[in-house]
Amino acid sequence: SKKIYRINDCWKNIPEQSYLYSSAFTEALLAHPERESIPQSYKKGLVIKAYAPHINKDYCLAICGNQKSLGHWDPEKAVLMSDANFPEWQIELDASKLKYPLEYKFILYNKQEKKADCWEKNPNRYLADPELKTNETLVISDRYAYFDIPAWKGAGIAIPVFSLKSEKSFGVGDFGDLKRMIDWAVSTHQKVIQILPVNDTTMTHAWIDSYPYNSISIYAFHPMYADIKQMGTLKDKEAASKFSKKQKELNSLPAIDYEAVNQTKWEFFNLLFRQEGEKVLASKGFKDFFEANKEWLQPYAVFSYLRDAYKTPNFRKWPRHSVYNAEDIEKMCQPETVDYPHISLYYYIQYHL
C-alpha cells in the first residue's frame, strides 16, 4: 500500500547561535559519535522534529505532553528523541493512539542520571486534529527547542601555524607541529585552536608569497606546511645527510626565511617523488583522495605547473591555456602525457598535506 507524507514546514531564518550548526561543533565539540537509530514508523504516524544543537552526547532531547504515549506530563515518562540526524532530533508517534488537541513541551534529558534537567520556558506546543488517514504520516519539522541554559564556552588559542617552529620542523612551523600544539592544548584543557589561513599562496616563489591571505586556491594547502619527516625517508644517504644539515641551519635562524625554507622543501619533494611517487599514486589511499578532490585538484595542479613553466601566475600572459578549458585540462592530466609527471607532483604533495 502507498504511504503518504504530509509535511508541515516553513522558511527557516539563520538560527540564533548559528555557529553551533557548524562541523566544529556537530562533529567535534558537541559531537554525538554513537547515534540512535531512525525511529520506528507506524501506519498512521506523527513525526515531530526539532533543532537543538547545544546538546552534548550525555544529553538528549525528550518530549512530554498530555497523552499517555507522552508520559501525561510526567518527565520521568517522557519519550526520548533520536539524534540520528543531529543537530536535528526526531520522534515518530503512533497517531492512532493520540487524542487531540495535542499539547507538549521539549525537555532537556540527562541520559547519565536518567532525569529531566530542564523544560522549555515557552507556552505548551499545540496541535489540533490533523485528521490523518491510515498509511498517512504528518511531519512537523519547523521547531527550535530553547532551554534556559548557559551559552557554550571554551578556552582556546589563536596562532599562525608557521610560528609553531620546533626542533622537529624544517625552518617553519608545519602540520606536524600543529599536532603537537593540539596535544598541548588538550593537556591544558583548552577546547579550540584558531589558525591563520594555510592555503597555498605560491605566485612567484619569492618572500612576497608569504602573505597568508592571498591564496591561489581555497582548497589546496601550502606545501610549506608539509611535515617532511612524515612524508618519507630518502634512501640516498648523502642527500638525506644534506637535508639534515640544512634542517639545523634553517631551525637556528632568528626569523623564518620563507624563500630558503620553500626552496629546500621543494628539493625534498622532487627527490622523494622520484623515489616513491609512482607507488603512492597507485595506492588505494591516494586513489580515494583523488576521486574525492579531483574537481579542484586537477585545475590547481595544472595551474601550478603552467605558472612555473611560463614563469608567471598571470595566465593572460601564457602562450597556451590562457583561457580555461576543462577538456584541455583533462587531456593534460592523462598519465601518458609529457605533462603528467609535473602535474602529478602537486597531487602527491596535496595528498600528503
Protein backbone atom coordinates (compact mmCIF):
# COMPACT_ATOMS: atom_id res chain seq x y z
CA SER A 1 0.00 0.00 0.00
CA LYS A 2 1.10 3.57 -0.67
CA LYS A 3 2.42 5.74 2.14
CA ILE A 4 1.52 9.43 2.12
CA TYR A 5 3.63 12.00 3.95
CA ARG A 6 2.16 15.40 4.79
CA ILE A 7 4.97 17.77 5.71
CA ASN A 8 4.39 20.95 7.68
CA ASP A 9 7.50 23.04 7.16
CA CYS A 10 8.36 26.71 6.94
CA TRP A 11 11.14 29.01 5.89
CA LYS A 12 13.90 28.87 8.48
CA ASN A 13 15.91 32.01 9.00
CA ILE A 14 19.56 31.60 10.01
CA PRO A 15 19.14 30.38 13.59
CA GLU A 16 20.49 32.19 16.63
CA GLN A 17 23.88 30.79 17.64
CA SER A 18 24.37 29.61 14.05
CA TYR A 19 27.97 28.61 14.85
CA LEU A 20 26.57 25.63 16.81
CA TYR A 21 25.45 24.15 13.46
CA SER A 22 29.00 24.17 12.03
CA SER A 23 31.03 20.96 11.81
CA ALA A 24 33.37 22.30 14.53
CA PHE A 25 30.50 21.70 16.96
CA THR A 26 28.39 18.96 15.35
CA GLU A 27 31.40 16.75 14.56
CA ALA A 28 33.82 17.71 17.34
CA LEU A 29 32.97 19.89 20.35
CA LEU A 30 29.37 18.67 20.78
CA ALA A 31 29.65 15.54 18.61
CA HIS A 32 27.36 12.53 19.04
CA PRO A 33 29.67 9.69 17.96
CA GLU A 34 27.11 6.95 18.69
CA ARG A 35 23.79 7.95 17.15
CA GLU A 36 20.37 6.49 17.86
CA SER A 37 18.60 4.73 15.00
CA ILE A 38 15.80 6.35 12.97
CA PRO A 39 12.56 5.98 14.98
CA GLN A 40 10.13 3.14 14.23
CA SER A 41 7.33 4.14 11.83
CA TYR A 42 3.58 3.49 12.10
CA LYS A 43 0.71 3.02 9.66
CA LYS A 44 -0.70 6.30 10.95
CA GLY A 45 2.22 8.37 12.16
CA LEU A 46 3.07 11.75 13.63
CA VAL A 47 6.73 12.73 13.20
CA ILE A 48 7.91 15.64 15.34
CA LYS A 49 11.31 17.15 14.54
CA ALA A 50 13.24 19.81 16.41
CA TYR A 51 16.62 21.52 16.16
CA ALA A 52 18.72 21.57 19.33
CA PRO A 53 22.46 21.77 18.61
CA HIS A 54 23.53 22.81 22.12
CA ILE A 55 23.31 19.26 23.50
CA ASN A 56 26.36 17.09 24.07
CA LYS A 57 26.47 13.29 23.91
CA ASP A 58 25.46 12.88 27.61
CA TYR A 59 22.08 14.52 26.98
CA CYS A 60 19.20 14.14 24.58
CA LEU A 61 16.03 15.95 23.63
CA ALA A 62 12.84 14.42 25.01
CA ILE A 63 9.16 15.23 24.57
CA CYS A 64 6.45 15.22 27.27
CA GLY A 65 2.76 16.06 26.94
CA ASN A 66 -0.90 15.49 27.64
CA GLN A 67 -1.04 11.90 26.32
CA LYS A 68 -0.30 8.50 27.74
CA SER A 69 2.28 7.99 24.95
CA LEU A 70 3.94 11.26 26.01
CA GLY A 71 4.04 10.48 29.72
CA HIS A 72 0.99 12.52 30.86
CA TRP A 73 3.28 15.44 31.81
CA ASP A 74 5.45 13.16 33.99
CA PRO A 75 9.05 13.97 32.97
CA GLU A 76 10.23 10.53 34.11
CA LYS A 77 7.99 9.02 31.43
CA ALA A 78 9.00 11.48 28.69
CA VAL A 79 9.76 10.00 25.26
CA LEU A 80 13.42 10.29 24.26
CA MET A 81 14.02 11.58 20.74
CA SER A 82 16.52 10.20 18.21
CA ASP A 83 19.73 12.08 17.34
CA ALA A 84 20.15 10.12 14.07
CA ASN A 85 20.37 13.44 12.16
CA PHE A 86 21.93 15.58 14.92
CA PRO A 87 21.59 18.56 15.46
CA GLU A 88 18.06 17.69 14.32
CA TRP A 89 16.12 15.45 16.72
CA GLN A 90 13.08 13.35 15.78
CA ILE A 91 10.41 11.06 17.16
CA GLU A 92 7.51 9.24 15.49
CA LEU A 93 4.32 8.68 17.49
CA ASP A 94 1.55 6.17 16.72
CA ALA A 95 -1.11 8.70 15.68
CA SER A 96 -3.91 6.12 16.05
CA LYS A 97 -3.38 6.30 19.85
CA LEU A 98 -3.35 10.10 20.14
CA LYS A 99 -6.21 12.30 21.39
CA TYR A 100 -6.50 15.89 20.19
CA PRO A 101 -5.75 18.66 20.80
CA LEU A 102 -2.19 17.51 21.47
CA GLU A 103 -0.13 19.60 23.89
CA TYR A 104 3.54 19.03 24.64
CA LYS A 105 6.89 20.52 25.55
CA PHE A 106 10.50 19.62 24.84
CA ILE A 107 12.71 18.56 27.73
CA LEU A 108 16.49 18.50 28.13
CA TYR A 109 17.07 14.96 29.38
CA ASN A 110 20.20 13.80 31.22
CA LYS A 111 20.96 10.28 29.93
CA GLN A 112 23.57 9.57 32.63
CA GLU A 113 21.28 10.40 35.56
CA LYS A 114 18.11 9.35 33.69
CA LYS A 115 16.20 12.51 34.60
CA ALA A 116 14.90 15.73 33.08
CA ASP A 117 17.30 18.63 33.68
CA CYS A 118 15.01 21.38 32.41
CA TRP A 119 11.85 22.16 30.47
CA GLU A 120 11.23 24.73 27.77
CA LYS A 121 10.01 28.02 29.24
CA ASN A 122 7.65 28.92 26.40
CA PRO A 123 3.89 28.07 26.38
CA ASN A 124 2.83 24.49 25.53
CA ARG A 125 3.18 23.49 21.89
CA TYR A 126 -0.26 22.72 20.42
CA LEU A 127 -1.61 20.56 17.59
CA ALA A 128 -5.28 20.36 16.53
CA ASP A 129 -6.58 17.15 14.98
CA PRO A 130 -4.80 16.76 11.60
CA GLU A 131 -7.40 14.11 10.58
CA LEU A 132 -4.87 11.56 9.43
CA LYS A 133 -5.94 8.53 7.42
CA THR A 134 -4.32 5.08 7.55
CA ASN A 135 -0.95 4.98 5.71
CA GLU A 136 -0.60 8.73 6.24
CA THR A 137 2.16 10.36 8.27
CA LEU A 138 2.27 14.00 9.29
CA VAL A 139 5.74 15.53 9.69
CA ILE A 140 6.12 18.69 11.78
CA SER A 141 9.62 19.99 11.19
CA ASP A 142 9.77 23.70 11.86
CA ARG A 143 10.70 23.75 15.52
CA TYR A 144 13.66 25.01 17.52
CA ALA A 145 13.92 23.85 21.13
CA TYR A 146 15.09 26.52 23.58
CA PHE A 147 16.30 25.95 27.13
CA ASP A 148 17.46 28.38 29.77
CA ILE A 149 21.00 27.00 29.87
CA PRO A 150 24.34 28.85 29.77
CA ALA A 151 25.95 29.63 26.41
CA TRP A 152 28.70 27.24 25.32
CA LYS A 153 32.14 28.45 26.44
CA GLY A 154 35.58 27.13 25.64
CA ALA A 155 39.07 28.49 26.21
CA GLY A 156 41.42 28.42 23.25
CA ILE A 157 44.33 29.98 21.42
CA ALA A 158 44.77 31.77 18.08
CA ILE A 159 48.08 31.13 16.36
CA PRO A 160 49.63 31.05 12.88
CA VAL A 161 50.97 27.57 12.00
CA PHE A 162 54.25 28.97 10.66
CA SER A 163 55.11 30.26 14.14
CA LEU A 164 54.95 26.78 15.71
CA LYS A 165 58.55 26.03 14.76
CA SER A 166 60.08 23.18 16.80
CA GLU A 167 63.31 21.18 16.69
CA LYS A 168 61.46 18.66 14.53
CA SER A 169 60.40 21.26 11.95
CA PHE A 170 62.21 22.31 8.83
CA GLY A 171 62.70 26.01 9.46
CA VAL A 172 58.96 26.77 9.75
CA GLY A 173 56.03 25.53 11.82
CA ASP A 174 54.25 22.71 9.96
CA PHE A 175 51.28 20.34 10.32
CA GLY A 176 53.38 18.00 12.49
CA ASP A 177 53.93 20.92 14.88
CA LEU A 178 50.21 21.71 14.76
CA LYS A 179 49.57 18.17 16.03
CA ARG A 180 51.99 18.83 18.91
CA MET A 181 50.19 22.12 19.59
CA ILE A 182 46.87 20.25 19.77
CA ASP A 183 48.35 17.75 22.25
CA TRP A 184 49.46 20.71 24.41
CA ALA A 185 46.01 22.35 24.15
CA VAL A 186 44.39 19.08 25.29
CA SER A 187 46.78 18.73 28.25
CA THR A 188 45.97 22.31 29.33
CA HIS A 189 42.18 21.73 28.96
CA GLN A 190 41.67 24.08 26.01
CA LYS A 191 38.87 23.42 23.55
CA VAL A 192 39.78 25.41 20.43
CA ILE A 193 42.75 26.33 18.27
CA GLN A 194 42.19 29.03 15.67
CA ILE A 195 44.83 29.26 12.94
CA LEU A 196 45.64 31.78 10.24
CA PRO A 197 44.87 30.59 6.67
CA VAL A 198 47.03 27.67 5.50
CA ASN A 199 46.12 27.78 1.79
CA ASP A 200 48.69 27.76 -0.99
CA THR A 201 49.75 31.33 -1.81
CA THR A 202 52.54 30.48 -4.29
CA MET A 203 52.69 33.03 -7.09
CA THR A 204 56.36 33.97 -7.56
CA HIS A 205 58.27 31.61 -5.21
CA ALA A 206 59.58 34.78 -3.50
CA TRP A 207 59.05 36.13 0.02
CA ILE A 208 56.08 38.20 -1.19
CA ASP A 209 54.09 34.91 -1.34
CA SER A 210 54.33 34.62 2.47
CA TYR A 211 51.24 36.82 2.96
CA PRO A 212 48.67 34.18 4.06
CA TYR A 213 45.55 35.99 2.77
CA ASN A 214 46.42 35.90 -0.93
CA SER A 215 45.69 32.27 -1.77
CA ILE A 216 45.63 30.75 -5.27
CA SER A 217 43.17 28.07 -4.13
CA ILE A 218 40.54 27.88 -1.43
CA TYR A 219 41.17 24.12 -1.20
CA ALA A 220 44.90 23.49 -1.64
CA PHE A 221 47.19 23.67 1.38
CA HIS A 222 50.53 25.44 1.22
CA PRO A 223 53.30 22.89 0.51
CA MET A 224 55.42 24.68 3.12
CA TYR A 225 53.26 23.11 5.85
CA ALA A 226 54.17 19.53 4.91
CA ASP A 227 55.93 17.70 7.73
CA ILE A 228 58.59 16.10 5.56
CA LYS A 229 59.58 13.62 8.28
CA GLN A 230 56.10 12.09 7.92
CA MET A 231 56.27 12.08 4.12
CA GLY A 232 59.11 9.59 3.93
CA THR A 233 62.87 9.00 4.16
CA LEU A 234 65.31 9.49 1.31
CA LYS A 235 67.23 6.30 0.51
CA ASP A 236 70.13 8.35 -0.87
CA LYS A 237 72.24 8.68 2.32
CA GLU A 238 74.24 11.64 1.01
CA ALA A 239 71.09 13.60 0.11
CA ALA A 240 69.46 12.69 3.45
CA SER A 241 72.53 13.94 5.33
CA LYS A 242 72.48 17.20 3.33
CA PHE A 243 68.82 17.82 4.29
CA SER A 244 69.54 17.00 7.93
CA LYS A 245 72.32 19.64 7.95
CA LYS A 246 70.06 22.14 6.17
CA GLN A 247 67.32 21.50 8.76
CA LYS A 248 69.62 22.51 11.62
CA GLU A 249 70.69 25.64 9.72
CA LEU A 250 67.11 26.73 8.97
CA ASN A 251 65.91 25.97 12.51
CA SER A 252 68.70 28.02 14.07
CA LEU A 253 67.78 31.21 12.16
CA PRO A 254 66.37 34.00 14.38
CA ALA A 255 63.50 34.56 11.89
CA ILE A 256 61.82 32.34 9.32
CA ASP A 257 63.48 32.50 5.90
CA TYR A 258 60.42 31.89 3.73
CA GLU A 259 62.30 31.57 0.44
CA ALA A 260 65.04 29.26 1.77
CA VAL A 261 62.51 27.02 3.55
CA ASN A 262 60.36 26.63 0.45
CA GLN A 263 63.28 26.08 -1.88
CA THR A 264 64.65 23.35 0.41
CA LYS A 265 61.29 21.65 0.85
CA TRP A 266 60.72 21.63 -2.91
CA GLU A 267 64.12 19.97 -3.45
CA PHE A 268 62.99 17.32 -0.97
CA PHE A 269 59.56 16.89 -2.64
CA ASN A 270 61.18 16.34 -6.03
CA LEU A 271 63.65 13.71 -4.73
CA LEU A 272 61.03 11.86 -2.69
CA PHE A 273 58.51 11.94 -5.55
CA ARG A 274 61.11 10.44 -7.87
CA GLN A 275 61.72 7.73 -5.27
CA GLU A 276 58.16 6.91 -4.17
CA GLY A 277 55.70 8.85 -6.31
CA GLU A 278 54.67 6.01 -8.58
CA LYS A 279 53.96 3.68 -5.66
CA VAL A 280 51.96 6.33 -3.77
CA LEU A 281 49.90 7.35 -6.83
CA ALA A 282 48.98 3.67 -7.35
CA SER A 283 47.82 3.20 -3.74
CA LYS A 284 44.16 2.89 -2.75
CA GLY A 285 44.54 5.76 -0.27
CA PHE A 286 45.67 8.13 -3.00
CA LYS A 287 43.02 6.95 -5.48
CA ASP A 288 40.25 7.59 -2.91
CA PHE A 289 41.71 11.04 -2.15
CA PHE A 290 41.95 11.87 -5.86
CA GLU A 291 38.34 10.89 -6.61
CA ALA A 292 37.04 12.93 -3.65
CA ASN A 293 39.08 16.03 -4.59
CA LYS A 294 39.52 15.79 -8.36
CA GLU A 295 37.23 18.78 -9.07
CA TRP A 296 39.66 21.29 -7.53
CA LEU A 297 42.89 19.24 -7.51
CA GLN A 298 43.27 18.93 -11.29
CA PRO A 299 42.86 22.63 -12.19
CA TYR A 300 45.02 23.62 -9.19
CA ALA A 301 47.84 21.23 -10.21
CA VAL A 302 47.73 22.29 -13.87
CA PHE A 303 47.70 25.99 -12.94
CA SER A 304 50.70 25.48 -10.63
CA TYR A 305 52.58 23.56 -13.32
CA LEU A 306 51.89 26.19 -16.02
CA ARG A 307 52.67 29.08 -13.62
CA ASP A 308 56.16 27.60 -13.11
CA ALA A 309 56.66 26.60 -16.75
CA TYR A 310 55.76 30.08 -18.02
CA LYS A 311 57.33 31.89 -15.02
CA THR A 312 54.22 33.96 -14.27
CA PRO A 313 50.97 33.47 -12.30
CA ASN A 314 49.25 35.85 -14.75
CA PHE A 315 47.55 33.29 -17.01
CA ARG A 316 46.63 36.03 -19.51
CA LYS A 317 50.32 36.14 -20.45
CA TRP A 318 50.64 32.39 -21.04
CA PRO A 319 51.27 31.43 -24.70
CA ARG A 320 48.91 28.43 -24.26
CA HIS A 321 45.95 27.67 -21.95
CA SER A 322 45.36 31.34 -21.17
CA VAL A 323 41.63 30.56 -21.47
CA TYR A 324 40.33 27.86 -19.11
CA ASN A 325 39.12 24.79 -20.96
CA ALA A 326 38.12 21.77 -18.86
CA GLU A 327 38.64 19.32 -21.76
CA ASP A 328 42.21 20.55 -22.37
CA ILE A 329 42.96 20.20 -18.66
CA GLU A 330 41.57 16.65 -18.65
CA LYS A 331 43.78 15.72 -21.63
CA MET A 332 46.92 17.15 -19.96
CA CYS A 333 46.16 15.14 -16.84
CA GLN A 334 46.23 11.75 -18.57
CA PRO A 335 49.13 9.58 -17.22
CA GLU A 336 50.64 9.05 -20.69
CA THR A 337 51.26 12.78 -21.39
CA VAL A 338 54.64 14.52 -21.00
CA ASP A 339 52.95 16.97 -18.61
CA TYR A 340 51.70 14.30 -16.21
CA PRO A 341 54.83 13.84 -14.01
CA HIS A 342 54.95 17.62 -13.40
CA ILE A 343 51.21 17.80 -12.66
CA SER A 344 51.00 14.68 -10.50
CA LEU A 345 53.78 16.00 -8.24
CA TYR A 346 51.18 18.52 -7.00
CA TYR A 347 48.64 15.72 -6.41
CA TYR A 348 51.28 13.89 -4.40
CA ILE A 349 52.07 16.89 -2.17
CA GLN A 350 48.40 17.74 -1.58
CA TYR A 351 47.71 14.08 -0.72
CA HIS A 352 50.43 14.18 1.95
CA LEU A 353 49.20 17.51 3.28
